[in-house]
Amino acid sequence: MFKHLLFMIGLTLLIIISEPVWQFGLHQLLAFHSYLLTHIASIFSQSKETAKFLERFIAIMATPILISSALSGIYWLFKRRSMPGIELFSWTVWIVLMTALLLA
């Protein structure tokens, strides 16, 4: 229990020190999502609620998939095997994106 407390304190200090980097990364994640959303919007008609729902759904699902695929592809180019933990990374990107979208 004490080790977990020390680990949590260390991570908190690390995040506070590197806060501008985290803010930049979160801003870039939201910018990529907005980029996908605007390009997907050109495919669907703007008049119907169903089209808006599909646009948002596809953009939300595509963002972690594309980011994880790019990272996994780069890893595969160098190691010639699949990247371990890519599913966890995909879920992490999805959770961060959903949290940022809900708070924005």
N, C-alpha and C. Protein backbone atom coordinates (compact mmCIF):
# COMPACT_ATOMS: atom_id res chain seq x y z
N MET A 1 0.82 -1.18 0.00
CA MET A 1 0.00 0.00 0.00
C MET A 1 0.86 1.25 0.00
N PHE A 2 1.93 1.23 0.77
CA PHE A 2 2.82 2.38 0.85
C PHE A 2 3.54 2.62 -0.48
N LYS A 3 3.89 1.52 -1.17
CA LYS A 3 4.53 1.64 -2.48
C LYS A 3 3.60 2.30 -3.48
N HIS A 4 2.32 1.95 -3.43
CA HIS A 4 1.34 2.54 -4.33
C HIS A 4 1.18 4.04 -4.05
N LEU A 5 1.20 4.40 -2.79
CA LEU A 5 1.09 5.81 -2.43
C LEU A 5 2.29 6.59 -2.93
N LEU A 6 3.48 6.04 -2.77
CA LEU A 6 4.69 6.71 -3.28
C LEU A 6 4.66 6.80 -4.81
N PHE A 7 4.19 5.75 -5.45
CA PHE A 7 4.08 5.76 -6.91
C PHE A 7 3.09 6.82 -7.36
N MET A 8 1.96 6.95 -6.67
CA MET A 8 0.96 7.95 -7.01
C MET A 8 1.51 9.36 -6.79
N ILE A 9 2.23 9.56 -5.73
CA ILE A 9 2.83 10.87 -5.47
C ILE A 9 3.85 11.20 -6.55
N GLY A 10 4.67 10.23 -6.92
CA GLY A 10 5.65 10.45 -7.98
C GLY A 10 5.01 10.77 -9.32
N LEU A 11 3.96 10.04 -9.68
CA LEU A 11 3.27 10.31 -10.94
C LEU A 11 2.59 11.67 -10.92
N THR A 12 2.03 12.07 -9.78
CA THR A 12 1.40 13.38 -9.67
C THR A 12 2.43 14.48 -9.86
N LEU A 13 3.57 14.34 -9.25
CA LEU A 13 4.63 15.34 -9.43
C LEU A 13 5.11 15.39 -10.88
N LEU A 14 5.24 14.22 -11.50
CA LEU A 14 5.67 14.17 -12.89
C LEU A 14 4.66 14.85 -13.81
N ILE A 15 3.38 14.62 -13.58
CA ILE A 15 2.36 15.24 -14.42
C ILE A 15 2.30 16.74 -14.19
N ILE A 16 2.45 17.19 -12.96
CA ILE A 16 2.44 18.63 -12.69
C ILE A 16 3.63 19.30 -13.37
N ILE A 17 4.78 18.67 -13.32
CA ILE A 17 5.97 19.25 -13.96
C ILE A 17 5.83 19.28 -15.47
N SER A 18 5.24 18.24 -16.05
CA SER A 18 5.13 18.15 -17.51
C SER A 18 3.74 18.52 -18.01
N GLU A 19 3.01 19.34 -17.28
CA GLU A 19 1.65 19.70 -17.66
C GLU A 19 1.53 20.33 -19.04
N PRO A 20 2.42 21.24 -19.46
CA PRO A 20 2.28 21.80 -20.81
C PRO A 20 2.38 20.75 -21.92
N VAL A 21 3.19 19.74 -21.71
CA VAL A 21 3.32 18.67 -22.70
C VAL A 21 2.03 17.89 -22.80
N TRP A 22 1.41 17.58 -21.66
CA TRP A 22 0.14 16.84 -21.65
C TRP A 22 -0.97 17.66 -22.28
N GLN A 23 -0.98 18.97 -22.01
CA GLN A 23 -1.99 19.84 -22.61
C GLN A 23 -1.83 19.89 -24.13
N PHE A 24 -0.60 19.96 -24.60
CA PHE A 24 -0.34 19.97 -26.03
C PHE A 24 -0.81 18.66 -26.67
N GLY A 25 -0.51 17.54 -26.03
CA GLY A 25 -0.93 16.24 -26.56
C GLY A 25 -2.44 16.11 -26.60
N LEU A 26 -3.12 16.57 -25.57
CA LEU A 26 -4.58 16.53 -25.54
C LEU A 26 -5.17 17.44 -26.62
N HIS A 27 -4.56 18.61 -26.80
CA HIS A 27 -5.02 19.52 -27.85
C HIS A 27 -4.84 18.89 -29.23
N GLN A 28 -3.73 18.20 -29.46
CA GLN A 28 -3.50 17.55 -30.74
C GLN A 28 -4.47 16.40 -30.98
N LEU A 29 -4.80 15.66 -29.92
CA LEU A 29 -5.78 14.58 -30.04
C LEU A 29 -7.15 15.14 -30.44
N LEU A 30 -7.57 16.23 -29.80
CA LEU A 30 -8.85 16.84 -30.15
C LEU A 30 -8.82 17.46 -31.54
N ALA A 31 -7.68 18.02 -31.94
CA ALA A 31 -7.56 18.58 -33.28
C ALA A 31 -7.65 17.49 -34.34
N PHE A 32 -7.04 16.33 -34.09
CA PHE A 32 -7.14 15.21 -35.03
C PHE A 32 -8.57 14.72 -35.13
N HIS A 33 -9.26 14.66 -34.00
CA HIS A 33 -10.66 14.25 -34.00
C HIS A 33 -11.51 15.24 -34.79
N SER A 34 -11.28 16.53 -34.61
CA SER A 34 -12.02 17.54 -35.37
C SER A 34 -11.73 17.45 -36.86
N TYR A 35 -10.48 17.17 -37.20
CA TYR A 35 -10.10 17.00 -38.60
C TYR A 35 -10.86 15.83 -39.22
N LEU A 36 -10.90 14.71 -38.52
CA LEU A 36 -11.65 13.56 -39.01
C LEU A 36 -13.14 13.88 -39.13
N LEU A 37 -13.67 14.57 -38.15
CA LEU A 37 -15.10 14.89 -38.14
C LEU A 37 -15.48 15.78 -39.32
N THR A 38 -14.65 16.76 -39.64
CA THR A 38 -14.98 17.64 -40.77
C THR A 38 -14.87 16.90 -42.09
N HIS A 39 -13.92 15.99 -42.22
CA HIS A 39 -13.79 15.25 -43.47
C HIS A 39 -14.88 14.19 -43.62
N ILE A 40 -15.30 13.61 -42.52
CA ILE A 40 -16.39 12.64 -42.57
C ILE A 40 -17.71 13.36 -42.85
N ALA A 41 -17.85 14.58 -42.37
CA ALA A 41 -19.09 15.34 -42.58
C ALA A 41 -19.34 15.62 -44.05
N SER A 42 -18.29 15.68 -44.84
CA SER A 42 -18.48 15.91 -46.27
C SER A 42 -19.07 14.69 -46.97
N ILE A 43 -19.00 13.54 -46.35
CA ILE A 43 -19.55 12.32 -46.95
C ILE A 43 -21.06 12.23 -46.70
N PHE A 44 -21.48 12.58 -45.49
CA PHE A 44 -22.88 12.45 -45.12
C PHE A 44 -23.61 13.76 -45.34
N SER A 45 -24.92 13.68 -45.48
CA SER A 45 -25.72 14.90 -45.61
C SER A 45 -25.83 15.56 -44.24
N GLN A 46 -25.94 16.87 -44.23
CA GLN A 46 -25.97 17.63 -42.99
C GLN A 46 -27.37 17.78 -42.41
N SER A 47 -28.39 17.36 -43.12
CA SER A 47 -29.76 17.67 -42.71
C SER A 47 -30.35 16.70 -41.70
N LYS A 48 -29.89 15.49 -41.64
CA LYS A 48 -30.54 14.49 -40.80
C LYS A 48 -29.75 14.23 -39.52
N GLU A 49 -30.49 13.91 -38.46
CA GLU A 49 -29.89 13.57 -37.18
C GLU A 49 -29.10 12.28 -37.27
N THR A 50 -29.57 11.33 -38.04
CA THR A 50 -28.88 10.06 -38.19
C THR A 50 -27.50 10.26 -38.81
N ALA A 51 -27.42 11.16 -39.79
CA ALA A 51 -26.13 11.44 -40.42
C ALA A 51 -25.16 12.06 -39.43
N LYS A 52 -25.63 12.97 -38.60
CA LYS A 52 -24.76 13.59 -37.60
C LYS A 52 -24.30 12.55 -36.58
N PHE A 53 -25.20 11.65 -36.20
CA PHE A 53 -24.82 10.58 -35.28
C PHE A 53 -23.73 9.69 -35.89
N LEU A 54 -23.92 9.31 -37.15
CA LEU A 54 -22.93 8.47 -37.83
C LEU A 54 -21.59 9.18 -37.96
N GLU A 55 -21.61 10.46 -38.27
CA GLU A 55 -20.36 11.23 -38.38
C GLU A 55 -19.59 11.21 -37.07
N ARG A 56 -20.28 11.51 -35.98
CA ARG A 56 -19.63 11.54 -34.67
C ARG A 56 -19.14 10.15 -34.26
N PHE A 57 -19.96 9.13 -34.51
CA PHE A 57 -19.59 7.76 -34.15
C PHE A 57 -18.34 7.32 -34.90
N ILE A 58 -18.33 7.55 -36.21
CA ILE A 58 -17.18 7.13 -37.02
C ILE A 58 -15.92 7.89 -36.60
N ALA A 59 -16.04 9.19 -36.34
CA ALA A 59 -14.87 9.98 -35.93
C ALA A 59 -14.35 9.52 -34.58
N ILE A 60 -15.25 9.21 -33.65
CA ILE A 60 -14.81 8.76 -32.32
C ILE A 60 -14.15 7.39 -32.41
N MET A 61 -14.68 6.51 -33.22
CA MET A 61 -14.09 5.17 -33.35
C MET A 61 -12.81 5.18 -34.18
N ALA A 62 -12.75 6.04 -35.19
CA ALA A 62 -11.59 6.05 -36.08
C ALA A 62 -10.35 6.65 -35.43
N THR A 63 -10.53 7.60 -34.53
CA THR A 63 -9.37 8.27 -33.93
C THR A 63 -8.45 7.30 -33.20
N PRO A 64 -8.91 6.51 -32.22
CA PRO A 64 -7.97 5.59 -31.56
C PRO A 64 -7.48 4.48 -32.48
N ILE A 65 -8.33 4.06 -33.44
CA ILE A 65 -7.91 3.00 -34.35
C ILE A 65 -6.79 3.49 -35.26
N LEU A 66 -6.92 4.69 -35.81
CA LEU A 66 -5.88 5.22 -36.70
C LEU A 66 -4.59 5.51 -35.95
N ILE A 67 -4.69 6.08 -34.75
CA ILE A 67 -3.48 6.38 -33.97
C ILE A 67 -2.77 5.08 -33.58
N SER A 68 -3.53 4.09 -33.12
CA SER A 68 -2.93 2.81 -32.74
C SER A 68 -2.35 2.08 -33.94
N SER A 69 -3.04 2.15 -35.07
CA SER A 69 -2.54 1.49 -36.28
C SER A 69 -1.24 2.11 -36.75
N ALA A 70 -1.16 3.44 -36.71
CA ALA A 70 0.08 4.11 -37.12
C ALA A 70 1.23 3.72 -36.20
N LEU A 71 0.98 3.73 -34.91
CA LEU A 71 2.02 3.35 -33.95
C LEU A 71 2.44 1.90 -34.12
N SER A 72 1.45 1.03 -34.31
CA SER A 72 1.74 -0.39 -34.50
C SER A 72 2.48 -0.63 -35.81
N GLY A 73 2.13 0.11 -36.85
CA GLY A 73 2.83 -0.02 -38.14
C GLY A 73 4.29 0.39 -38.05
N ILE A 74 4.56 1.47 -37.33
CA ILE A 74 5.94 1.91 -37.14
C ILE A 74 6.72 0.86 -36.35
N TYR A 75 6.08 0.31 -35.32
CA TYR A 75 6.72 -0.74 -34.53
C TYR A 75 7.02 -1.96 -35.40
N TRP A 76 6.06 -2.33 -36.24
CA TRP A 76 6.24 -3.50 -37.09
C TRP A 76 7.37 -3.30 -38.11
N LEU A 77 7.52 -2.07 -38.61
CA LEU A 77 8.60 -1.80 -39.56
C LEU A 77 9.97 -2.07 -38.96
N PHE A 78 10.12 -1.80 -37.67
CA PHE A 78 11.42 -1.98 -37.04
C PHE A 78 11.60 -3.38 -36.44
N LYS A 79 10.57 -3.92 -35.85
CA LYS A 79 10.71 -5.20 -35.15
C LYS A 79 10.19 -6.40 -35.92
N ARG A 80 9.37 -6.20 -36.95
CA ARG A 80 8.77 -7.27 -37.77
C ARG A 80 7.92 -8.23 -36.94
N ARG A 81 7.26 -7.69 -35.93
CA ARG A 81 6.28 -8.46 -35.16
C ARG A 81 5.25 -7.47 -34.61
N SER A 82 4.13 -8.01 -34.15
CA SER A 82 3.06 -7.13 -33.68
C SER A 82 3.46 -6.46 -32.37
N MET A 83 2.95 -5.28 -32.17
CA MET A 83 3.28 -4.50 -30.99
C MET A 83 2.53 -5.05 -29.77
N PRO A 84 3.24 -5.35 -28.70
CA PRO A 84 2.55 -5.83 -27.51
C PRO A 84 1.81 -4.68 -26.82
N GLY A 85 0.63 -4.96 -26.34
CA GLY A 85 -0.13 -3.97 -25.60
C GLY A 85 -0.83 -2.94 -26.44
N ILE A 86 -1.00 -3.18 -27.73
CA ILE A 86 -1.63 -2.18 -28.59
C ILE A 86 -3.11 -2.04 -28.27
N GLU A 87 -3.75 -3.12 -27.81
CA GLU A 87 -5.16 -3.02 -27.44
C GLU A 87 -5.34 -2.11 -26.24
N LEU A 88 -4.46 -2.23 -25.27
CA LEU A 88 -4.51 -1.37 -24.09
C LEU A 88 -4.28 0.09 -24.50
N PHE A 89 -3.35 0.31 -25.42
CA PHE A 89 -3.09 1.66 -25.90
C PHE A 89 -4.32 2.22 -26.61
N SER A 90 -4.99 1.40 -27.42
CA SER A 90 -6.21 1.84 -28.11
C SER A 90 -7.30 2.24 -27.12
N TRP A 91 -7.49 1.42 -26.11
CA TRP A 91 -8.48 1.75 -25.10
C TRP A 91 -8.11 3.01 -24.33
N THR A 92 -6.83 3.21 -24.07
CA THR A 92 -6.38 4.41 -23.36
C THR A 92 -6.66 5.65 -24.19
N VAL A 93 -6.34 5.60 -25.48
CA VAL A 93 -6.63 6.74 -26.36
C VAL A 93 -8.12 7.00 -26.40
N TRP A 94 -8.93 5.95 -26.47
CA TRP A 94 -10.38 6.11 -26.52
C TRP A 94 -10.91 6.76 -25.24
N ILE A 95 -10.42 6.31 -24.09
CA ILE A 95 -10.87 6.87 -22.82
C ILE A 95 -10.46 8.33 -22.69
N VAL A 96 -9.24 8.66 -23.08
CA VAL A 96 -8.78 10.04 -23.02
C VAL A 96 -9.62 10.92 -23.96
N LEU A 97 -9.87 10.42 -25.17
CA LEU A 97 -10.68 11.17 -26.14
C LEU A 97 -12.09 11.39 -25.62
N MET A 98 -12.72 10.35 -25.09
CA MET A 98 -14.08 10.50 -24.58
C MET A 98 -14.13 11.46 -23.41
N THR A 99 -13.16 11.39 -22.51
CA THR A 99 -13.12 12.31 -21.39
C THR A 99 -12.95 13.76 -21.88
N ALA A 100 -12.06 13.96 -22.82
CA ALA A 100 -11.84 15.31 -23.35
C ALA A 100 -13.08 15.83 -24.07
N LEU A 101 -13.76 14.99 -24.81
CA LEU A 101 -14.97 15.41 -25.52
C LEU A 101 -16.10 15.73 -24.53
N LEU A 102 -16.21 14.97 -23.47
CA LEU A 102 -17.25 15.22 -22.49
C LEU A 102 -16.98 16.48 -21.67
N LEU A 103 -15.72 16.78 -21.46
CA LEU A 103 -15.37 17.97 -20.66
C LEU A 103 -15.27 19.23 -21.51
N ALA A 104 -15.15 19.09 -22.81
CA ALA A 104 -15.00 20.27 -23.68
C ALA A 104 -16.33 20.94 -23.94
